[in-house]
């Protein structure tokens, strides 16, 4: 059984036991989160939402917070002598799929 969820403007295909890295979620490590924005549930019988599947939810277990890869930006303006380089590391949360209910 698998599910397609929408979170933070992105869509993810998940199965039970999968680990996933999402944008930072305000939750303690070891707690659980329920995602009700389930777009599709697949397996023996496929359910497609319009736009979401009614009564379906995915339970995620929070494993912890981490920082992502460094992303760098560079702004350059020709003939203006402007060169600005910046970088940042996005805040992420690692979760594990505990249960898919459809």
PDB file of N, CA and C in Angstrom:
ATOM      1  N   UNK A   1       0.847  -1.172   0.000  1.00  0.00           N
ATOM      2  CA  UNK A   1       0.000   0.000   0.000  1.00  0.00           C
ATOM      3  C   UNK A   1       0.895   1.238   0.000  1.00  0.00           C
ATOM      4  N   UNK A   2       0.530   2.238  -0.793  1.00  0.00           N
ATOM      5  CA  UNK A   2       1.275   3.478  -0.837  1.00  0.00           C
ATOM      6  C   UNK A   2       0.303   4.643  -0.896  1.00  0.00           C
ATOM      7  N   UNK A   3       0.823   5.830  -0.641  1.00  0.00           N
ATOM      8  CA  UNK A   3      -0.001   7.034  -0.652  1.00  0.00           C
ATOM      9  C   UNK A   3       0.798   8.175  -1.258  1.00  0.00           C
ATOM     10  N   UNK A   4       0.088   9.116  -1.853  1.00  0.00           N
ATOM     11  CA  UNK A   4       0.685  10.349  -2.350  1.00  0.00           C
ATOM     12  C   UNK A   4       0.110  11.478  -1.506  1.00  0.00           C
ATOM     13  N   UNK A   5       1.005  12.216  -0.826  1.00  0.00           N
ATOM     14  CA  UNK A   5       0.563  13.316   0.036  1.00  0.00           C
ATOM     15  C   UNK A   5       1.096  14.633  -0.502  1.00  0.00           C
ATOM     16  N   UNK A   6       0.464  15.716  -0.086  1.00  0.00           N
ATOM     17  CA  UNK A   6       0.927  17.062  -0.401  1.00  0.00           C
ATOM     18  C   UNK A   6       1.358  17.723   0.901  1.00  0.00           C
ATOM     19  N   UNK A   7       2.572  18.275   0.904  1.00  0.00           N
ATOM     20  CA  UNK A   7       3.082  18.961   2.086  1.00  0.00           C
ATOM     21  C   UNK A   7       4.044  20.055   1.646  1.00  0.00           C
ATOM     22  N   UNK A   8       3.841  21.259   2.109  1.00  0.00           N
ATOM     23  CA  UNK A   8       4.706  22.408   1.810  1.00  0.00           C
ATOM     24  C   UNK A   8       4.846  22.666   0.317  1.00  0.00           C
ATOM     25  N   UNK A   9       3.764  22.496  -0.432  1.00  0.00           N
ATOM     26  CA  UNK A   9       3.802  22.767  -1.853  1.00  0.00           C
ATOM     27  C   UNK A   9       4.459  21.688  -2.685  1.00  0.00           C
ATOM     28  N   UNK A  10       4.760  20.536  -2.099  1.00  0.00           N
ATOM     29  CA  UNK A  10       5.384  19.427  -2.800  1.00  0.00           C
ATOM     30  C   UNK A  10       4.521  18.187  -2.630  1.00  0.00           C
ATOM     31  N   UNK A  11       4.699  17.221  -3.525  1.00  0.00           N
ATOM     32  CA  UNK A  11       3.981  15.953  -3.429  1.00  0.00           C
ATOM     33  C   UNK A  11       4.990  14.830  -3.229  1.00  0.00           C
ATOM     34  N   UNK A  12       4.641  13.870  -2.368  1.00  0.00           N
ATOM     35  CA  UNK A  12       5.528  12.766  -2.037  1.00  0.00           C
ATOM     36  C   UNK A  12       4.778  11.448  -2.151  1.00  0.00           C
ATOM     37  N   UNK A  13       5.437  10.422  -2.701  1.00  0.00           N
ATOM     38  CA  UNK A  13       4.887   9.068  -2.763  1.00  0.00           C
ATOM     39  C   UNK A  13       5.527   8.284  -1.626  1.00  0.00           C
ATOM     40  N   UNK A  14       4.709   7.735  -0.717  1.00  0.00           N
ATOM     41  CA  UNK A  14       5.189   7.087   0.492  1.00  0.00           C
ATOM     42  C   UNK A  14       4.642   5.683   0.632  1.00  0.00           C
ATOM     43  N   UNK A  15       5.410   4.835   1.288  1.00  0.00           N
ATOM     44  CA  UNK A  15       4.956   3.528   1.753  1.00  0.00           C
ATOM     45  C   UNK A  15       5.266   3.452   3.241  1.00  0.00           C
ATOM     46  N   UNK A  16       4.664   2.498   3.938  1.00  0.00           N
ATOM     47  CA  UNK A  16       4.930   2.369   5.364  1.00  0.00           C
ATOM     48  C   UNK A  16       6.393   1.988   5.580  1.00  0.00           C
ATOM     49  N   UNK A  17       7.028   2.662   6.546  1.00  0.00           N
ATOM     50  CA  UNK A  17       8.421   2.405   6.856  1.00  0.00           C
ATOM     51  C   UNK A  17       9.401   3.308   6.134  1.00  0.00           C
ATOM     52  N   UNK A  18       8.944   4.092   5.156  1.00  0.00           N
ATOM     53  CA  UNK A  18       9.831   5.001   4.421  1.00  0.00           C
ATOM     54  C   UNK A  18      10.250   6.166   5.308  1.00  0.00           C
ATOM     55  N   UNK A  19      11.481   6.641   5.092  1.00  0.00           N
ATOM     56  CA  UNK A  19      11.950   7.854   5.743  1.00  0.00           C
ATOM     57  C   UNK A  19      11.902   8.980   4.734  1.00  0.00           C
ATOM     58  N   UNK A  20      11.605  10.170   5.219  1.00  0.00           N
ATOM     59  CA  UNK A  20      11.376  11.305   4.346  1.00  0.00           C
ATOM     60  C   UNK A  20      11.922  12.562   5.013  1.00  0.00           C
ATOM     61  N   UNK A  21      12.444  13.493   4.211  1.00  0.00           N
ATOM     62  CA  UNK A  21      12.930  14.766   4.726  1.00  0.00           C
ATOM     63  C   UNK A  21      11.996  15.860   4.228  1.00  0.00           C
ATOM     64  N   UNK A  22      11.359  16.563   5.174  1.00  0.00           N
ATOM     65  CA  UNK A  22      10.399  17.626   4.868  1.00  0.00           C
ATOM     66  C   UNK A  22      10.945  18.958   5.346  1.00  0.00           C
ATOM     67  N   UNK A  23      10.291  20.048   4.933  1.00  0.00           N
ATOM     68  CA  UNK A  23      10.605  21.356   5.488  1.00  0.00           C
ATOM     69  C   UNK A  23      10.340  21.318   6.991  1.00  0.00           C
ATOM     70  N   UNK A  24      10.961  22.220   7.738  1.00  0.00           N
ATOM     71  CA  UNK A  24      10.906  22.211   9.194  1.00  0.00           C
ATOM     72  C   UNK A  24       9.471  22.181   9.698  1.00  0.00           C
ATOM     73  N   UNK A  25       9.198  21.227  10.585  1.00  0.00           N
ATOM     74  CA  UNK A  25       7.907  21.080  11.248  1.00  0.00           C
ATOM     75  C   UNK A  25       8.132  21.345  12.728  1.00  0.00           C
ATOM     76  N   UNK A  26       7.275  22.134  13.342  1.00  0.00           N
ATOM     77  CA  UNK A  26       7.392  22.437  14.760  1.00  0.00           C
ATOM     78  C   UNK A  26       6.864  21.262  15.574  1.00  0.00           C
ATOM     79  N   UNK A  27       7.721  20.262  15.792  1.00  0.00           N
ATOM     80  CA  UNK A  27       7.330  19.083  16.565  1.00  0.00           C
ATOM     81  C   UNK A  27       8.559  18.505  17.241  1.00  0.00           C
ATOM     82  N   UNK A  28       8.349  17.879  18.377  1.00  0.00           N
ATOM     83  CA  UNK A  28       9.420  17.247  19.130  1.00  0.00           C
ATOM     84  C   UNK A  28       9.816  15.916  18.482  1.00  0.00           C
ATOM     85  N   UNK A  29      11.050  15.515  18.657  1.00  0.00           N
ATOM     86  CA  UNK A  29      11.490  14.206  18.170  1.00  0.00           C
ATOM     87  C   UNK A  29      10.761  13.117  18.956  1.00  0.00           C
ATOM     88  N   UNK A  30      10.237  12.132  18.255  1.00  0.00           N
ATOM     89  CA  UNK A  30       9.492  11.055  18.888  1.00  0.00           C
ATOM     90  C   UNK A  30       7.984  11.252  18.850  1.00  0.00           C
ATOM     91  N   UNK A  31       7.526  12.448  18.521  1.00  0.00           N
ATOM     92  CA  UNK A  31       6.088  12.686  18.442  1.00  0.00           C
ATOM     93  C   UNK A  31       5.555  12.251  17.074  1.00  0.00           C
ATOM     94  N   UNK A  32       4.236  12.256  16.931  1.00  0.00           N
ATOM     95  CA  UNK A  32       3.616  11.855  15.670  1.00  0.00           C
ATOM     96  C   UNK A  32       2.821  13.016  15.086  1.00  0.00           C
ATOM     97  N   UNK A  33       2.714  13.004  13.760  1.00  0.00           N
ATOM     98  CA  UNK A  33       1.978  14.030  13.029  1.00  0.00           C
ATOM     99  C   UNK A  33       1.030  13.326  12.079  1.00  0.00           C
ATOM    100  N   UNK A  34      -0.201  13.814  11.975  1.00  0.00           N
ATOM    101  CA  UNK A  34      -1.170  13.264  11.029  1.00  0.00           C
ATOM    102  C   UNK A  34      -1.293  14.205   9.843  1.00  0.00           C
ATOM    103  N   UNK A  35      -1.108  13.676   8.637  1.00  0.00           N
ATOM    104  CA  UNK A  35      -1.271  14.424   7.399  1.00  0.00           C
ATOM    105  C   UNK A  35      -2.600  13.979   6.788  1.00  0.00           C
ATOM    106  N   UNK A  36      -3.525  14.921   6.618  1.00  0.00           N
ATOM    107  CA  UNK A  36      -4.835  14.587   6.069  1.00  0.00           C
ATOM    108  C   UNK A  36      -4.953  14.974   4.602  1.00  0.00           C
ATOM    109  N   UNK A  37      -3.945  15.630   4.064  1.00  0.00           N
ATOM    110  CA  UNK A  37      -3.958  16.035   2.664  1.00  0.00           C
ATOM    111  C   UNK A  37      -3.395  14.901   1.801  1.00  0.00           C
ATOM    112  N   UNK A  38      -4.174  13.820   1.693  1.00  0.00           N
ATOM    113  CA  UNK A  38      -3.787  12.634   0.938  1.00  0.00           C
ATOM    114  C   UNK A  38      -4.443  12.713  -0.440  1.00  0.00           C
ATOM    115  N   UNK A  39      -3.643  12.718  -1.488  1.00  0.00           N
ATOM    116  CA  UNK A  39      -4.159  12.888  -2.845  1.00  0.00           C
ATOM    117  C   UNK A  39      -4.533  11.573  -3.502  1.00  0.00           C
ATOM    118  N   UNK A  40      -3.844  10.488  -3.135  1.00  0.00           N
ATOM    119  CA  UNK A  40      -4.077   9.192  -3.774  1.00  0.00           C
ATOM    120  C   UNK A  40      -3.640   8.092  -2.826  1.00  0.00           C
ATOM    121  N   UNK A  41      -4.395   6.996  -2.820  1.00  0.00           N
ATOM    122  CA  UNK A  41      -3.998   5.803  -2.085  1.00  0.00           C
ATOM    123  C   UNK A  41      -3.997   4.660  -3.081  1.00  0.00           C
ATOM    124  N   UNK A  42      -2.881   3.963  -3.166  1.00  0.00           N
ATOM    125  CA  UNK A  42      -2.754   2.876  -4.126  1.00  0.00           C
ATOM    126  C   UNK A  42      -2.486   1.562  -3.431  1.00  0.00           C
ATOM    127  N   UNK A  43      -2.638   0.499  -4.169  1.00  0.00           N
ATOM    128  CA  UNK A  43      -2.451  -0.846  -3.657  1.00  0.00           C
ATOM    129  C   UNK A  43      -3.335  -1.783  -4.436  1.00  0.00           C
ATOM    130  N   UNK A  44      -4.082  -2.651  -3.743  1.00  0.00           N
ATOM    131  CA  UNK A  44      -5.021  -3.544  -4.411  1.00  0.00           C
ATOM    132  C   UNK A  44      -6.123  -2.749  -5.112  1.00  0.00           C
ATOM    133  N   UNK A  45      -6.630  -1.739  -4.421  1.00  0.00           N
ATOM    134  CA  UNK A  45      -7.673  -0.887  -4.973  1.00  0.00           C
ATOM    135  C   UNK A  45      -7.209   0.568  -4.854  1.00  0.00           C
ATOM    136  N   UNK A  46      -7.160   1.270  -5.954  1.00  0.00           N
ATOM    137  CA  UNK A  46      -6.664   2.643  -5.964  1.00  0.00           C
ATOM    138  C   UNK A  46      -7.805   3.616  -5.707  1.00  0.00           C
ATOM    139  N   UNK A  47      -7.551   4.575  -4.805  1.00  0.00           N
ATOM    140  CA  UNK A  47      -8.509   5.642  -4.524  1.00  0.00           C
ATOM    141  C   UNK A  47      -7.848   6.955  -4.911  1.00  0.00           C
ATOM    142  N   UNK A  48      -8.533   7.708  -5.753  1.00  0.00           N
ATOM    143  CA  UNK A  48      -8.034   9.003  -6.195  1.00  0.00           C
ATOM    144  C   UNK A  48      -8.906  10.081  -5.589  1.00  0.00           C
ATOM    145  N   UNK A  49      -8.276  11.092  -5.010  1.00  0.00           N
ATOM    146  CA  UNK A  49      -9.012  12.156  -4.357  1.00  0.00           C
ATOM    147  C   UNK A  49      -9.477  13.223  -5.332  1.00  0.00           C
ATOM    148  N   UNK A  50     -10.442  14.000  -4.874  1.00  0.00           N
ATOM    149  CA  UNK A  50     -10.954  15.081  -5.688  1.00  0.00           C
ATOM    150  C   UNK A  50     -11.152  16.312  -4.814  1.00  0.00           C
ATOM    151  N   UNK A  51     -10.208  17.054  -4.354  1.00  0.00           N
ATOM    152  CA  UNK A  51      -8.773  16.915  -4.562  1.00  0.00           C
ATOM    153  C   UNK A  51      -8.098  15.977  -3.563  1.00  0.00           C
ATOM    154  N   UNK A  52      -8.742  15.671  -2.413  1.00  0.00           N
ATOM    155  CA  UNK A  52      -8.137  14.746  -1.454  1.00  0.00           C
ATOM    156  C   UNK A  52      -9.059  13.566  -1.214  1.00  0.00           C
ATOM    157  N   UNK A  53      -8.494  12.475  -0.709  1.00  0.00           N
ATOM    158  CA  UNK A  53      -9.271  11.275  -0.388  1.00  0.00           C
ATOM    159  C   UNK A  53      -9.921  11.491   0.980  1.00  0.00           C
ATOM    160  N   UNK A  54     -11.237  11.368   1.045  1.00  0.00           N
ATOM    161  CA  UNK A  54     -11.960  11.599   2.299  1.00  0.00           C
ATOM    162  C   UNK A  54     -11.692  10.470   3.284  1.00  0.00           C
ATOM    163  N   UNK A  55     -11.412  10.846   4.532  1.00  0.00           N
ATOM    164  CA  UNK A  55     -11.186   9.874   5.591  1.00  0.00           C
ATOM    165  C   UNK A  55      -9.804   9.262   5.597  1.00  0.00           C
ATOM    166  N   UNK A  56      -8.948   9.643   4.675  1.00  0.00           N
ATOM    167  CA  UNK A  56      -7.602   9.073   4.613  1.00  0.00           C
ATOM    168  C   UNK A  56      -6.629   9.954   5.389  1.00  0.00           C
ATOM    169  N   UNK A  57      -5.653   9.319   6.024  1.00  0.00           N
ATOM    170  CA  UNK A  57      -4.605  10.073   6.697  1.00  0.00           C
ATOM    171  C   UNK A  57      -3.335   9.235   6.764  1.00  0.00           C
ATOM    172  N   UNK A  58      -2.229   9.934   6.844  1.00  0.00           N
ATOM    173  CA  UNK A  58      -0.913   9.308   6.949  1.00  0.00           C
ATOM    174  C   UNK A  58      -0.309   9.778   8.262  1.00  0.00           C
ATOM    175  N   UNK A  59       0.127   8.841   9.089  1.00  0.00           N
ATOM    176  CA  UNK A  59       0.735   9.159  10.369  1.00  0.00           C
ATOM    177  C   UNK A  59       2.247   9.105  10.213  1.00  0.00           C
ATOM    178  N   UNK A  60       2.910  10.202  10.567  1.00  0.00           N
ATOM    179  CA  UNK A  60       4.357  10.319  10.464  1.00  0.00           C
ATOM    180  C   UNK A  60       4.959  10.407  11.859  1.00  0.00           C
ATOM    181  N   UNK A  61       6.071   9.727  12.073  1.00  0.00           N
ATOM    182  CA  UNK A  61       6.800   9.796  13.333  1.00  0.00           C
ATOM    183  C   UNK A  61       8.018  10.687  13.125  1.00  0.00           C
ATOM    184  N   UNK A  62       8.169  11.704  13.958  1.00  0.00           N
ATOM    185  CA  UNK A  62       9.270  12.658  13.819  1.00  0.00           C
ATOM    186  C   UNK A  62      10.543  12.035  14.394  1.00  0.00           C
ATOM    187  N   UNK A  63      11.598  11.985  13.563  1.00  0.00           N
ATOM    188  CA  UNK A  63      12.875  11.434  13.998  1.00  0.00           C
ATOM    189  C   UNK A  63      13.814  12.514  14.514  1.00  0.00           C
ATOM    190  N   UNK A  64      13.720  13.722  13.970  1.00  0.00           N
ATOM    191  CA  UNK A  64      14.570  14.814  14.445  1.00  0.00           C
ATOM    192  C   UNK A  64      14.744  15.899  13.399  1.00  0.00           C
ATOM    193  N   UNK A  65      15.400  16.978  13.818  1.00  0.00           N
ATOM    194  CA  UNK A  65      15.657  18.109  12.936  1.00  0.00           C
ATOM    195  C   UNK A  65      17.086  18.038  12.423  1.00  0.00           C
ATOM    196  N   UNK A  66      17.324  18.631  11.258  1.00  0.00           N
ATOM    197  CA  UNK A  66      18.659  18.665  10.679  1.00  0.00           C
ATOM    198  C   UNK A  66      18.764  19.846   9.731  1.00  0.00           C
ATOM    199  N   UNK A  67      19.974  20.123   9.297  1.00  0.00           N
ATOM    200  CA  UNK A  67      20.213  21.168   8.317  1.00  0.00           C
ATOM    201  C   UNK A  67      20.516  20.525   6.976  1.00  0.00           C
ATOM    202  N   UNK A  68      20.039  21.138   5.909  1.00  0.00           N
ATOM    203  CA  UNK A  68      20.244  20.597   4.568  1.00  0.00           C
ATOM    204  C   UNK A  68      21.581  21.023   3.987  1.00  0.00           C
ATOM    205  N   UNK A  69      21.787  20.682   2.726  1.00  0.00           N
ATOM    206  CA  UNK A  69      22.991  21.082   2.010  1.00  0.00           C
ATOM    207  C   UNK A  69      23.023  22.602   1.871  1.00  0.00           C
ATOM    208  N   UNK A  70      24.233  23.166   1.851  1.00  0.00           N
ATOM    209  CA  UNK A  70      24.359  24.603   1.707  1.00  0.00           C
ATOM    210  C   UNK A  70      23.953  25.027   0.299  1.00  0.00           C
ATOM    211  N   UNK A  71      23.113  26.056   0.229  1.00  0.00           N
ATOM    212  CA  UNK A  71      22.692  26.627  -1.042  1.00  0.00           C
ATOM    213  C   UNK A  71      23.315  28.015  -1.145  1.00  0.00           C
ATOM    214  N   UNK A  72      23.910  28.295  -2.278  1.00  0.00           N
ATOM    215  CA  UNK A  72      24.543  29.590  -2.442  1.00  0.00           C
ATOM    216  C   UNK A  72      23.850  30.376  -3.546  1.00  0.00           C
ATOM    217  N   UNK A  73      23.778  31.670  -3.339  1.00  0.00           N
ATOM    218  CA  UNK A  73      23.210  32.568  -4.332  1.00  0.00           C
ATOM    219  C   UNK A  73      24.274  33.597  -4.683  1.00  0.00           C
ATOM    220  N   UNK A  74      24.231  34.075  -5.903  1.00  0.00           N
ATOM    221  CA  UNK A  74      25.191  35.076  -6.345  1.00  0.00           C
ATOM    222  C   UNK A  74      24.468  36.073  -7.230  1.00  0.00           C
ATOM    223  N   UNK A  75      24.569  37.326  -6.868  1.00  0.00           N
ATOM    224  CA  UNK A  75      23.922  38.386  -7.628  1.00  0.00           C
ATOM    225  C   UNK A  75      25.017  39.232  -8.279  1.00  0.00           C
ATOM    226  N   UNK A  76      24.903  39.426  -9.578  1.00  0.00           N
ATOM    227  CA  UNK A  76      25.903  40.163 -10.329  1.00  0.00           C
ATOM    228  C   UNK A  76      25.208  41.144 -11.251  1.00  0.00           C
ATOM    229  N   UNK A  77      25.638  42.387 -11.194  1.00  0.00           N
ATOM    230  CA  UNK A  77      25.095  43.408 -12.089  1.00  0.00           C
ATOM    231  C   UNK A  77      26.237  43.949 -12.933  1.00  0.00           C
ATOM    232  N   UNK A  78      26.149  43.748 -14.223  1.00  0.00           N
ATOM    233  CA  UNK A  78      27.201  44.190 -15.127  1.00  0.00           C
ATOM    234  C   UNK A  78      27.289  45.720 -15.129  1.00  0.00           C
ATOM    235  N   UNK A  79      28.468  46.226 -15.233  1.00  0.00           N
ATOM    236  CA  UNK A  79      28.785  47.665 -15.328  1.00  0.00           C
ATOM    237  C   UNK A  79      28.404  48.440 -14.070  1.00  0.00           C
ATOM    238  N   UNK A  80      28.029  47.794 -13.003  1.00  0.00           N
ATOM    239  CA  UNK A  80      27.659  48.488 -11.770  1.00  0.00           C
ATOM    240  C   UNK A  80      28.621  48.181 -10.624  1.00  0.00           C
ATOM    241  N   UNK A  81      29.564  47.270 -10.866  1.00  0.00           N
ATOM    242  CA  UNK A  81      30.519  46.818  -9.842  1.00  0.00           C
ATOM    243  C   UNK A  81      29.802  46.241  -8.619  1.00  0.00           C
ATOM    244  N   UNK A  82      28.735  45.525  -8.863  1.00  0.00           N
ATOM    245  CA  UNK A  82      27.979  44.913  -7.782  1.00  0.00           C
ATOM    246  C   UNK A  82      28.099  43.399  -7.871  1.00  0.00           C
ATOM    247  N   UNK A  83      28.665  42.817  -6.845  1.00  0.00           N
ATOM    248  CA  UNK A  83      28.782  41.369  -6.756  1.00  0.00           C
ATOM    249  C   UNK A  83      28.466  40.988  -5.310  1.00  0.00           C
ATOM    250  N   UNK A  84      27.402  40.242  -5.110  1.00  0.00           N
ATOM    251  CA  UNK A  84      26.985  39.855  -3.766  1.00  0.00           C
ATOM    252  C   UNK A  84      26.812  38.342  -3.732  1.00  0.00           C
ATOM    253  N   UNK A  85      27.533  37.687  -2.851  1.00  0.00           N
ATOM    254  CA  UNK A  85      27.395  36.249  -2.681  1.00  0.00           C
ATOM    255  C   UNK A  85      26.865  35.940  -1.295  1.00  0.00           C
ATOM    256  N   UNK A  86      25.842  35.117  -1.232  1.00  0.00           N
ATOM    257  CA  UNK A  86      25.255  34.728   0.051  1.00  0.00           C
ATOM    258  C   UNK A  86      24.989  33.239   0.026  1.00  0.00           C
ATOM    259  N   UNK A  87      24.784  32.662   1.191  1.00  0.00           N
ATOM    260  CA  UNK A  87      24.451  31.257   1.269  1.00  0.00           C
ATOM    261  C   UNK A  87      23.634  30.973   2.509  1.00  0.00           C
ATOM    262  N   UNK A  88      22.933  29.842   2.495  1.00  0.00           N
ATOM    263  CA  UNK A  88      22.166  29.443   3.666  1.00  0.00           C
ATOM    264  C   UNK A  88      21.987  27.936   3.647  1.00  0.00           C
ATOM    265  N   UNK A  89      21.658  27.375   4.786  1.00  0.00           N
ATOM    266  CA  UNK A  89      21.354  25.955   4.918  1.00  0.00           C
ATOM    267  C   UNK A  89      19.917  25.836   5.395  1.00  0.00           C
ATOM    268  N   UNK A  90      19.037  25.195   4.612  1.00  0.00           N
ATOM    269  CA  UNK A  90      17.626  25.119   5.003  1.00  0.00           C
ATOM    270  C   UNK A  90      17.423  24.211   6.218  1.00  0.00           C
ATOM    271  N   UNK A  91      16.452  24.572   7.047  1.00  0.00           N
ATOM    272  CA  UNK A  91      16.076  23.762   8.210  1.00  0.00           C
ATOM    273  C   UNK A  91      15.103  22.682   7.762  1.00  0.00           C
ATOM    274  N   UNK A  92      15.397  21.434   8.087  1.00  0.00           N
ATOM    275  CA  UNK A  92      14.606  20.293   7.643  1.00  0.00           C
ATOM    276  C   UNK A  92      14.224  19.418   8.827  1.00  0.00           C
ATOM    277  N   UNK A  93      13.219  18.578   8.628  1.00  0.00           N
ATOM    278  CA  UNK A  93      12.793  17.605   9.633  1.00  0.00           C
ATOM    279  C   UNK A  93      12.741  16.229   8.983  1.00  0.00           C
ATOM    280  N   UNK A  94      13.377  15.242   9.603  1.00  0.00           N
ATOM    281  CA  UNK A  94      13.348  13.870   9.106  1.00  0.00           C
ATOM    282  C   UNK A  94      12.215  13.131   9.798  1.00  0.00           C
ATOM    283  N   UNK A  95      11.350  12.487   8.989  1.00  0.00           N
ATOM    284  CA  UNK A  95      10.199  11.753   9.510  1.00  0.00           C
ATOM    285  C   UNK A  95      10.183  10.340   8.938  1.00  0.00           C
ATOM    286  N   UNK A  96       9.450   9.461   9.609  1.00  0.00           N
ATOM    287  CA  UNK A  96       9.265   8.076   9.168  1.00  0.00           C
ATOM    288  C   UNK A  96       7.769   7.810   9.095  1.00  0.00           C
ATOM    289  N   UNK A  97       7.346   7.131   8.020  1.00  0.00           N
ATOM    290  CA  UNK A  97       5.928   6.825   7.850  1.00  0.00           C
ATOM    291  C   UNK A  97       5.559   5.670   8.766  1.00  0.00           C
ATOM    292  N   UNK A  98       4.670   5.929   9.719  1.00  0.00           N
ATOM    293  CA  UNK A  98       4.269   4.913  10.682  1.00  0.00           C
ATOM    294  C   UNK A  98       3.053   4.127  10.184  1.00  0.00           C
ATOM    295  N   UNK A  99       2.051   4.830   9.618  1.00  0.00           N
ATOM    296  CA  UNK A  99       0.819   4.167   9.233  1.00  0.00           C
ATOM    297  C   UNK A  99       0.117   4.935   8.131  1.00  0.00           C
ATOM    298  N   UNK A 100      -0.467   4.187   7.194  1.00  0.00           N
ATOM    299  CA  UNK A 100      -1.295   4.762   6.140  1.00  0.00           C
ATOM    300  C   UNK A 100      -2.703   4.232   6.320  1.00  0.00           C
ATOM    301  N   UNK A 101      -3.658   5.136   6.537  1.00  0.00           N
ATOM    302  CA  UNK A 101      -5.042   4.732   6.723  1.00  0.00           C
ATOM    303  C   UNK A 101      -5.859   5.253   5.550  1.00  0.00           C
ATOM    304  N   UNK A 102      -6.540   4.352   4.883  1.00  0.00           N
ATOM    305  CA  UNK A 102      -7.303   4.769   3.709  1.00  0.00           C
ATOM    306  C   UNK A 102      -8.666   4.249   3.769  1.00  0.00           C
TER     307      UNK A 102
END
